[in-house]
Amino acid sequence: MTGSTPHKLWKPPCPTAVVLTGGGARGAYEVGVLQRLYESLVDKGPCERLFDILAGTSAGALNVCALGAMAHDARDRLKALTAYWESITMKRLLRFGGRELSRLPNVIMGRRLGLESLRYRKRPKERVGPPHPPVAGLFDTSLLYRDMRREIPWQFLQDNIRTGVLRGIAVCATELCTSKSIVFYQVHEEGMYRTGKDSAKEERQVEMGAQHAMASAAIPFLFPAIQIDGICYVDGALRQNAPLYPAMRMGAEKVLIVGLSREPDQKYRTARMSCQRNPFPGSLFLLGRTVNAVMDGVLDHEIHRIEMFNQLIQKGRALYGEAFLENMNQATHAYRNTNYRLVDVRIIRPSRNLNEVALEALQEAPNELTMPGVPGRLVTNVMTSSPFLESELSSYLMFTPTYIRKLIRLGYEDTKRQEEELVGFFTAEGPNRSGSA
């Protein structure tokens, strides 16, 4: 492990967060973004580290946990994260063999008989315990769970929070029984998480571990739910795919968001074109569109809200003086449990349609679509079928080395094009120190 060079004593000039969204295999794009950021701003630039607040959902949760563990020694560990993503295969991640096939009826219908089921049904009502066994998934993710425990140095993450290298980290999951969005968070002892009063969200302070990251990434039906303290959790993207909320609650004044879809106008235009090309859509097409709605529906709205409040604060100060913001916060603090403030937001998005990138990778390396227990031709036929391609599911589910490498490279190049703007973003004083958003 290599340490930081002695002359680099720079720290973020204000609380600075990175927000990584979910998107299955698309999460490799985030790794490319991080690669270029650290290469241009840390290895060759003025910064020792870029972020002291981390928030992620689903694949983004796995990435922020890895980032948190390498916060004080990013160079080698970022290489390790990149190497891990590039090593992922369908066979390694989505294991489906005879055991999984035999359990398929239970996955679909649930277990109504058997000793384990009866044990849960007969438990006295007054006893506190799990309401039911963990909910099964189509694929066995035990290898991924093992990798998360082994590949991410969780003790380093704990050390970085304890010593103040990180202000805090949060990952989002969805509680299966109540459908609430759950924010698992951990902060430095001098830090603070301002809990909110949104009944659809619940914050839980934890010692961050592999189980929380896996819960955030447990795609319903495909991956098994993760049971923590007797409660089942699934993918956080169902309710909070863009975890700006926990980043703001941990005090972020500057936020870099890595989105996994293109600009809204481009995205909607492409979506309508694919609908026109598919006059007889089936369930796969509907599933893909539903996934897109879940993944993309909140981010642009949240960014718009931040921009709206930035303008409100600036115009209020111009009209009523500096006391405007203080008076507004006094009036709303009891309800919000935090203050309004200027927040500088930057977003990095893919410059290309990731479904087209997936199709290119599929054409270049069709043999990478292999899964234990499933004939390779069947997998290829499904993935290359017109309904599947038009649904855009391939961009989420195609965990193949060629596709992963293309995504990492795209994230790297997209970040490189914004480098000058990003250097200014990271090195400038915060909006509440310089007076501008």
Protein backbone atom coordinates (compact mmCIF):
# COMPACT_ATOMS: atom_id res chain seq x y z
CA MET A 1 0.00 0.00 0.00
CA THR A 2 1.36 3.41 -0.94
CA GLY A 3 0.95 6.47 1.24
CA SER A 4 0.19 10.06 0.23
CA THR A 5 3.10 12.27 -0.75
CA PRO A 6 4.07 14.69 2.04
CA HIS A 7 3.51 17.90 0.04
CA LYS A 8 -0.13 17.14 -0.70
CA LEU A 9 -1.96 18.53 2.31
CA TRP A 10 -5.00 19.77 0.39
CA LYS A 11 -8.44 18.91 1.69
CA PRO A 12 -11.87 19.70 0.26
CA PRO A 13 -12.50 23.42 0.98
CA CYS A 14 -16.04 22.56 2.08
CA PRO A 15 -18.07 19.38 2.64
CA THR A 16 -17.93 17.69 -0.78
CA ALA A 17 -19.95 14.62 -1.72
CA VAL A 18 -20.02 12.15 -4.55
CA VAL A 19 -23.38 10.54 -5.35
CA LEU A 20 -23.27 7.30 -7.33
CA THR A 21 -26.52 5.98 -8.75
CA GLY A 22 -27.60 2.42 -9.48
CA GLY A 23 -27.87 0.63 -12.79
CA GLY A 24 -26.54 -2.94 -12.64
CA ALA A 25 -23.71 -3.43 -15.11
CA ARG A 26 -23.87 0.28 -15.94
CA GLY A 27 -22.09 0.88 -12.63
CA ALA A 28 -18.81 0.21 -14.45
CA TYR A 29 -19.18 3.67 -16.00
CA GLU A 30 -18.74 5.17 -12.52
CA VAL A 31 -15.38 3.42 -12.20
CA GLY A 32 -14.15 5.12 -15.37
CA VAL A 33 -15.26 8.50 -14.01
CA LEU A 34 -13.39 7.91 -10.75
CA GLN A 35 -10.31 6.76 -12.65
CA ARG A 36 -10.00 10.03 -14.56
CA LEU A 37 -10.88 12.21 -11.56
CA TYR A 38 -8.13 10.72 -9.43
CA GLU A 39 -5.64 10.65 -12.29
CA SER A 40 -6.08 14.33 -13.19
CA LEU A 41 -6.83 15.85 -9.77
CA VAL A 42 -4.95 13.66 -7.29
CA ASP A 43 -2.06 11.99 -9.09
CA LYS A 44 -1.18 15.04 -11.22
CA GLY A 45 -3.12 17.81 -9.58
CA PRO A 46 -3.59 19.81 -6.38
CA CYS A 47 -5.81 17.44 -4.39
CA GLU A 48 -5.00 14.76 -1.86
CA ARG A 49 -8.58 13.58 -1.88
CA LEU A 50 -11.74 14.71 -3.58
CA PHE A 51 -14.67 13.70 -1.39
CA ASP A 52 -15.36 13.49 2.31
CA ILE A 53 -19.03 12.47 1.96
CA LEU A 54 -20.08 9.38 0.00
CA ALA A 55 -23.58 8.24 -0.98
CA GLY A 56 -24.59 5.42 -3.29
CA THR A 57 -27.40 3.11 -4.30
CA SER A 58 -27.27 -0.40 -5.80
CA ALA A 59 -24.11 -0.71 -7.95
CA GLY A 60 -23.27 2.80 -6.74
CA ALA A 61 -23.40 1.54 -3.14
CA LEU A 62 -20.78 -1.12 -3.89
CA ASN A 63 -18.61 1.51 -5.56
CA VAL A 64 -18.85 4.10 -2.75
CA CYS A 65 -17.97 1.49 -0.14
CA ALA A 66 -14.88 0.59 -2.14
CA LEU A 67 -14.12 4.30 -2.58
CA GLY A 68 -14.53 4.91 1.16
CA ALA A 69 -12.05 2.15 1.97
CA MET A 70 -9.47 3.73 -0.32
CA ALA A 71 -10.17 7.38 0.51
CA HIS A 72 -6.68 7.98 1.95
CA ASP A 73 -4.82 5.80 -0.52
CA ALA A 74 -6.76 5.94 -3.75
CA ARG A 75 -4.23 5.09 -6.44
CA ASP A 76 -3.64 1.37 -5.86
CA ARG A 77 -7.11 0.62 -4.59
CA LEU A 78 -8.80 2.31 -7.53
CA LYS A 79 -6.74 0.05 -9.77
CA ALA A 80 -7.97 -2.91 -7.74
CA LEU A 81 -11.60 -1.78 -8.10
CA THR A 82 -11.14 -1.41 -11.86
CA ALA A 83 -9.53 -4.84 -12.10
CA TYR A 84 -12.41 -6.38 -10.14
CA TRP A 85 -15.05 -4.88 -12.45
CA GLU A 86 -13.11 -6.05 -15.50
CA SER A 87 -12.97 -9.58 -14.08
CA ILE A 88 -16.76 -9.86 -13.74
CA THR A 89 -18.45 -12.40 -16.00
CA MET A 90 -22.04 -13.58 -16.34
CA LYS A 91 -20.86 -16.98 -15.12
CA ARG A 92 -19.26 -15.51 -12.01
CA LEU A 93 -22.02 -13.12 -11.06
CA LEU A 94 -25.29 -14.70 -12.19
CA ARG A 95 -24.92 -18.32 -11.14
CA PHE A 96 -27.88 -20.45 -12.24
CA GLY A 97 -27.52 -24.21 -12.05
CA GLY A 98 -29.53 -27.27 -11.13
CA ARG A 99 -29.97 -26.11 -7.53
CA GLU A 100 -31.43 -22.79 -8.65
CA LEU A 101 -33.62 -24.50 -11.24
CA SER A 102 -35.06 -26.88 -8.65
CA ARG A 103 -35.90 -23.91 -6.40
CA LEU A 104 -37.57 -21.91 -9.16
CA PRO A 105 -41.17 -22.78 -8.07
CA ASN A 106 -40.34 -21.60 -4.54
CA VAL A 107 -38.81 -18.41 -5.91
CA ILE A 108 -41.98 -17.66 -7.84
CA MET A 109 -44.65 -18.89 -5.44
CA GLY A 110 -42.91 -18.91 -2.05
CA ARG A 111 -42.53 -21.83 0.33
CA ARG A 112 -45.71 -23.03 1.99
CA LEU A 113 -44.44 -26.28 3.47
CA GLY A 114 -41.34 -27.55 5.18
CA LEU A 115 -39.82 -27.29 8.62
CA GLU A 116 -38.32 -23.83 8.09
CA SER A 117 -41.64 -22.39 6.97
CA LEU A 118 -43.49 -24.01 9.87
CA ARG A 119 -40.92 -22.67 12.33
CA TYR A 120 -41.71 -19.12 11.26
CA ARG A 121 -45.46 -19.68 11.18
CA LYS A 122 -45.57 -21.17 14.71
CA ARG A 123 -43.43 -18.51 16.40
CA PRO A 124 -45.47 -16.87 19.19
CA LYS A 125 -46.65 -13.39 18.27
CA GLU A 126 -45.07 -11.81 21.33
CA ARG A 127 -41.57 -12.90 20.33
CA VAL A 128 -39.47 -10.47 18.34
CA GLY A 129 -37.75 -11.97 15.34
CA PRO A 130 -37.68 -12.21 11.57
CA PRO A 131 -41.16 -12.04 10.04
CA HIS A 132 -40.18 -14.64 7.43
CA PRO A 133 -37.10 -16.36 5.97
CA PRO A 134 -35.00 -14.39 3.48
CA VAL A 135 -36.82 -13.97 0.16
CA ALA A 136 -35.18 -16.02 -2.58
CA GLY A 137 -33.94 -14.74 -5.92
CA LEU A 138 -33.54 -16.32 -9.31
CA PHE A 139 -29.73 -16.24 -9.20
CA ASP A 140 -27.29 -17.31 -6.50
CA THR A 141 -25.28 -14.22 -5.43
CA SER A 142 -23.20 -15.91 -2.74
CA LEU A 143 -20.04 -15.45 -4.84
CA LEU A 144 -20.68 -11.72 -5.14
CA TYR A 145 -21.33 -11.51 -1.39
CA ARG A 146 -18.06 -13.34 -0.75
CA ASP A 147 -16.24 -10.96 -3.08
CA MET A 148 -17.65 -7.90 -1.32
CA ARG A 149 -16.46 -9.19 2.05
CA ARG A 150 -13.04 -10.12 0.70
CA GLU A 151 -12.24 -7.46 -1.91
CA ILE A 152 -13.30 -4.34 0.02
CA PRO A 153 -11.05 -3.67 3.06
CA TRP A 154 -13.87 -2.77 5.43
CA GLN A 155 -11.49 -2.03 8.29
CA PHE A 156 -9.91 0.70 6.16
CA LEU A 157 -13.36 2.22 5.70
CA GLN A 158 -13.89 2.20 9.47
CA ASP A 159 -10.44 3.75 10.02
CA ASN A 160 -11.14 6.52 7.49
CA ILE A 161 -14.38 7.43 9.25
CA ARG A 162 -12.83 7.18 12.71
CA THR A 163 -9.89 9.47 11.83
CA GLY A 164 -12.03 12.02 10.00
CA VAL A 165 -10.70 11.33 6.51
CA LEU A 166 -14.38 10.80 5.74
CA ARG A 167 -17.23 12.81 7.24
CA GLY A 168 -19.67 10.05 6.43
CA ILE A 169 -21.01 7.41 4.08
CA ALA A 170 -24.55 6.33 3.24
CA VAL A 171 -26.10 3.59 1.11
CA CYS A 172 -29.79 3.22 0.33
CA ALA A 173 -31.87 0.05 0.39
CA THR A 174 -35.60 -0.70 0.34
CA GLU A 175 -37.21 -2.49 3.26
CA LEU A 176 -39.21 -5.28 1.70
CA CYS A 177 -42.16 -5.46 4.09
CA THR A 178 -42.85 -1.72 4.50
CA SER A 179 -41.50 -0.50 1.13
CA LYS A 180 -39.70 2.31 2.95
CA SER A 181 -36.49 3.76 1.58
CA ILE A 182 -33.84 2.96 4.19
CA VAL A 183 -30.67 5.02 4.51
CA PHE A 184 -27.87 3.09 6.20
CA TYR A 185 -25.32 5.66 7.28
CA GLN A 186 -22.15 6.05 9.32
CA VAL A 187 -20.54 9.37 10.24
CA HIS A 188 -17.40 10.59 11.98
CA GLU A 189 -17.91 11.18 15.72
CA GLU A 190 -17.76 14.96 15.19
CA GLY A 191 -19.98 14.75 12.12
CA MET A 192 -23.73 14.70 12.02
CA TYR A 193 -26.57 13.20 10.02
CA ARG A 194 -29.65 15.41 10.17
CA THR A 195 -32.52 12.96 10.16
CA GLY A 196 -35.63 14.08 8.32
CA LYS A 197 -39.36 13.68 8.81
CA ASP A 198 -40.28 12.05 5.51
CA SER A 199 -42.48 9.06 6.39
CA ALA A 200 -41.33 7.23 3.24
CA LYS A 201 -37.70 7.32 4.39
CA GLU A 202 -35.99 5.98 7.48
CA GLU A 203 -32.38 6.52 8.56
CA ARG A 204 -30.44 3.88 10.46
CA GLN A 205 -26.97 4.46 11.89
CA VAL A 206 -24.80 1.38 11.41
CA GLU A 207 -21.22 0.23 11.17
CA MET A 208 -21.06 -0.07 7.40
CA GLY A 209 -20.36 -3.54 6.10
CA ALA A 210 -20.79 -5.85 3.13
CA GLN A 211 -24.36 -6.72 4.15
CA HIS A 212 -25.49 -3.10 3.72
CA ALA A 213 -23.90 -2.76 0.29
CA MET A 214 -25.38 -6.09 -0.80
CA ALA A 215 -28.83 -5.11 0.48
CA SER A 216 -28.67 -1.95 -1.61
CA ALA A 217 -27.81 -4.00 -4.72
CA ALA A 218 -30.30 -6.88 -4.27
CA ILE A 219 -32.32 -6.54 -7.50
CA PRO A 220 -35.81 -7.92 -6.77
CA PHE A 221 -36.60 -11.36 -8.19
CA LEU A 222 -33.14 -11.68 -9.77
CA PHE A 223 -31.07 -11.47 -6.56
CA PRO A 224 -32.05 -12.78 -3.11
CA ALA A 225 -33.12 -10.24 -0.52
CA ILE A 226 -30.55 -9.56 2.19
CA GLN A 227 -31.69 -10.07 5.77
CA ILE A 228 -30.16 -7.75 8.38
CA ASP A 229 -31.29 -8.09 12.01
CA GLY A 230 -34.27 -10.14 10.84
CA ILE A 231 -35.50 -7.62 8.26
CA CYS A 232 -35.33 -8.22 4.50
CA TYR A 233 -33.98 -5.54 2.18
CA VAL A 234 -33.83 -5.23 -1.59
CA ASP A 235 -32.42 -2.80 -4.12
CA GLY A 236 -32.43 0.82 -2.96
CA ALA A 237 -33.07 1.99 -6.53
CA LEU A 238 -36.76 1.11 -6.10
CA ARG A 239 -37.27 4.18 -3.93
CA GLN A 240 -34.07 6.26 -3.98
CA ASN A 241 -31.80 5.62 -6.93
CA ALA A 242 -30.21 9.08 -6.74
CA PRO A 243 -29.18 9.39 -3.06
CA LEU A 244 -28.84 13.18 -2.98
CA TYR A 245 -30.98 13.22 0.16
CA PRO A 246 -28.45 11.49 2.47
CA ALA A 247 -25.57 13.49 0.97
CA MET A 248 -27.37 16.73 1.82
CA ARG A 249 -28.31 15.43 5.28
CA MET A 250 -24.62 14.84 5.98
CA GLY A 251 -23.91 18.50 5.25
CA ALA A 252 -22.68 18.50 1.63
CA GLU A 253 -22.23 21.94 0.08
CA LYS A 254 -20.79 20.62 -3.18
CA VAL A 255 -22.07 17.45 -4.85
CA LEU A 256 -20.74 15.56 -7.85
CA ILE A 257 -23.32 13.16 -9.27
CA VAL A 258 -22.51 10.35 -11.67
CA GLY A 259 -25.65 9.59 -13.64
CA LEU A 260 -26.03 6.44 -15.72
CA SER A 261 -28.34 7.77 -18.42
CA ARG A 262 -28.01 10.58 -20.92
CA GLU A 263 -29.46 14.07 -20.82
CA PRO A 264 -33.27 13.97 -20.52
CA ASP A 265 -33.97 15.33 -24.03
CA GLN A 266 -31.64 12.79 -25.65
CA LYS A 267 -32.95 9.98 -23.47
CA TYR A 268 -36.61 10.64 -24.24
CA ARG A 269 -36.00 11.05 -27.98
CA THR A 270 -34.16 7.72 -28.14
CA ALA A 271 -36.86 6.00 -26.07
CA ARG A 272 -39.63 7.13 -28.44
CA MET A 273 -37.63 5.95 -31.45
CA SER A 274 -37.22 2.48 -29.95
CA CYS A 275 -40.94 2.34 -29.21
CA GLN A 276 -41.69 3.13 -32.85
CA ARG A 277 -39.39 0.33 -33.99
CA ASN A 278 -41.19 -2.18 -31.78
CA PRO A 279 -44.87 -2.29 -32.82
CA PHE A 280 -45.57 -5.56 -30.92
CA PRO A 281 -43.89 -5.14 -27.52
CA GLY A 282 -43.94 -7.97 -25.03
CA SER A 283 -43.25 -8.42 -21.34
CA LEU A 284 -39.49 -7.98 -21.74
CA PHE A 285 -40.03 -4.61 -23.35
CA LEU A 286 -42.39 -3.61 -20.54
CA LEU A 287 -39.89 -4.79 -17.91
CA GLY A 288 -37.10 -2.75 -19.50
CA ARG A 289 -39.22 0.38 -19.62
CA THR A 290 -40.22 -0.15 -15.99
CA VAL A 291 -36.57 -0.46 -14.97
CA ASN A 292 -35.79 2.78 -16.82
CA ALA A 293 -38.65 4.55 -15.05
CA VAL A 294 -37.37 3.41 -11.65
CA MET A 295 -33.73 4.24 -12.36
CA ASP A 296 -34.12 7.60 -14.09
CA GLY A 297 -37.27 9.14 -12.68
CA VAL A 298 -35.89 11.03 -9.68
CA LEU A 299 -32.42 12.38 -10.47
CA ASP A 300 -33.37 15.21 -12.81
CA HIS A 301 -36.18 16.26 -10.48
CA GLU A 302 -33.81 16.41 -7.49
CA ILE A 303 -31.26 18.46 -9.42
CA HIS A 304 -34.00 20.85 -10.50
CA ARG A 305 -35.11 21.28 -6.87
CA ILE A 306 -31.57 22.18 -5.77
CA GLU A 307 -31.24 24.71 -8.59
CA MET A 308 -34.63 26.17 -7.69
CA PHE A 309 -33.66 26.68 -4.02
CA ASN A 310 -30.28 28.12 -5.03
CA GLN A 311 -32.11 30.75 -7.08
CA LEU A 312 -34.59 31.38 -4.29
CA ILE A 313 -31.77 32.01 -1.79
CA GLN A 314 -29.81 34.25 -4.14
CA LYS A 315 -32.80 36.32 -5.19
CA GLY A 316 -34.08 36.50 -1.61
CA ARG A 317 -30.74 37.87 -0.44
CA ALA A 318 -30.69 40.39 -3.28
CA LEU A 319 -34.17 41.64 -2.38
CA TYR A 320 -34.19 41.39 1.42
CA GLY A 321 -30.52 41.27 2.45
CA GLU A 322 -28.32 38.65 4.10
CA ALA A 323 -30.87 38.07 6.87
CA PHE A 324 -33.26 36.49 4.36
CA LEU A 325 -31.73 32.99 4.58
CA GLU A 326 -31.40 33.08 8.37
CA ASN A 327 -35.06 34.10 8.76
CA MET A 328 -36.21 31.38 6.34
CA ASN A 329 -34.24 28.73 8.21
CA GLN A 330 -35.65 29.85 11.57
CA ALA A 331 -39.15 29.43 10.16
CA THR A 332 -38.55 25.98 8.67
CA HIS A 333 -35.90 24.32 10.88
CA ALA A 334 -38.34 22.68 13.29
CA TYR A 335 -39.98 20.86 10.40
CA ARG A 336 -36.88 20.08 8.30
CA ASN A 337 -34.26 19.58 11.06
CA THR A 338 -31.66 21.15 8.77
CA ASN A 339 -30.99 24.49 7.14
CA TYR A 340 -31.43 25.59 3.57
CA ARG A 341 -28.11 26.58 1.99
CA LEU A 342 -26.53 27.06 -1.40
CA VAL A 343 -25.37 23.79 -2.92
CA ASP A 344 -23.10 23.54 -5.96
CA VAL A 345 -24.04 20.52 -8.08
CA ARG A 346 -22.20 18.99 -11.04
CA ILE A 347 -23.25 15.91 -12.97
CA ILE A 348 -21.36 13.61 -15.28
CA ARG A 349 -23.50 11.58 -17.69
CA PRO A 350 -22.77 9.10 -20.48
CA SER A 351 -22.28 10.77 -23.85
CA ARG A 352 -23.57 7.66 -25.60
CA ASN A 353 -26.63 5.45 -25.39
CA LEU A 354 -25.44 2.61 -23.15
CA ASN A 355 -27.77 0.16 -24.85
CA GLU A 356 -25.89 0.79 -28.11
CA VAL A 357 -22.61 0.21 -26.25
CA ALA A 358 -23.99 -3.10 -24.95
CA LEU A 359 -24.99 -4.14 -28.48
CA GLU A 360 -21.49 -3.34 -29.78
CA ALA A 361 -19.94 -5.45 -27.02
CA LEU A 362 -22.35 -8.29 -27.78
CA GLN A 363 -21.42 -8.25 -31.47
CA GLU A 364 -17.70 -8.18 -30.65
CA ALA A 365 -17.73 -10.96 -28.04
CA PRO A 366 -20.91 -13.08 -28.18
CA ASN A 367 -19.11 -16.00 -26.48
CA GLU A 368 -18.92 -14.02 -23.23
CA LEU A 369 -22.65 -14.58 -22.71
CA THR A 370 -22.37 -17.83 -20.78
CA MET A 371 -24.08 -18.90 -17.59
CA PRO A 372 -23.74 -22.18 -15.69
CA GLY A 373 -26.74 -24.42 -16.23
CA VAL A 374 -28.10 -22.41 -19.19
CA PRO A 375 -27.25 -23.26 -22.83
CA GLY A 376 -25.06 -20.52 -24.32
CA ARG A 377 -27.21 -20.34 -27.46
CA LEU A 378 -30.33 -19.71 -25.37
CA VAL A 379 -28.67 -16.82 -23.52
CA THR A 380 -27.39 -15.31 -26.77
CA ASN A 381 -30.77 -15.69 -28.51
CA VAL A 382 -32.57 -13.93 -25.67
CA MET A 383 -30.03 -11.13 -25.34
CA THR A 384 -29.94 -10.50 -29.09
CA SER A 385 -33.69 -10.66 -29.63
CA SER A 386 -35.29 -7.43 -30.79
CA PRO A 387 -37.66 -7.11 -27.78
CA PHE A 388 -34.77 -7.53 -25.35
CA LEU A 389 -32.53 -5.05 -27.15
CA GLU A 390 -35.28 -2.46 -27.49
CA SER A 391 -36.15 -2.86 -23.80
CA GLU A 392 -32.61 -1.65 -22.90
CA LEU A 393 -32.33 -4.46 -20.34
CA SER A 394 -29.05 -5.57 -21.89
CA SER A 395 -27.33 -2.37 -20.71
CA TYR A 396 -28.25 -3.28 -17.11
CA LEU A 397 -27.69 -7.05 -17.15
CA MET A 398 -24.84 -7.73 -19.57
CA PHE A 399 -22.01 -8.38 -17.11
CA THR A 400 -19.38 -9.23 -19.71
CA PRO A 401 -15.71 -8.12 -19.75
CA THR A 402 -15.96 -6.42 -23.16
CA TYR A 403 -19.01 -4.37 -22.17
CA ILE A 404 -17.52 -3.50 -18.78
CA ARG A 405 -14.29 -2.28 -20.37
CA LYS A 406 -16.22 -0.14 -22.85
CA LEU A 407 -18.19 1.47 -20.03
CA ILE A 408 -15.07 2.20 -17.98
CA ARG A 409 -13.43 3.77 -21.02
CA LEU A 410 -16.53 5.85 -21.78
CA GLY A 411 -16.68 7.15 -18.21
CA TYR A 412 -12.98 8.01 -18.39
CA GLU A 413 -13.33 9.93 -21.67
CA ASP A 414 -16.53 11.76 -20.64
CA THR A 415 -14.80 12.97 -17.48
CA LYS A 416 -11.69 13.98 -19.40
CA ARG A 417 -13.79 16.27 -21.62
CA GLN A 418 -15.09 18.10 -18.53
CA GLU A 419 -11.73 18.25 -16.80
CA GLU A 420 -11.27 22.03 -16.76
CA GLU A 421 -14.72 22.60 -15.28
CA LEU A 422 -14.20 19.83 -12.71
CA VAL A 423 -10.86 21.24 -11.54
CA GLY A 424 -12.64 24.53 -10.84
CA PHE A 425 -15.45 22.71 -9.07
CA PHE A 426 -13.16 20.85 -6.67
CA THR A 427 -10.67 23.63 -5.90
CA ALA A 428 -13.05 26.60 -5.56
CA GLU A 429 -14.38 27.74 -2.23
CA GLY A 430 -17.83 26.39 -1.41
CA PRO A 431 -20.98 28.29 -2.38
CA ASN A 432 -21.64 29.28 1.24
CA ARG A 433 -18.13 30.69 1.55
CA SER A 434 -17.80 32.54 -1.74
CA GLY A 435 -21.43 33.66 -1.91
CA SER A 436 -22.28 32.03 -5.22
CA ALA A 437 -23.83 28.74 -6.16
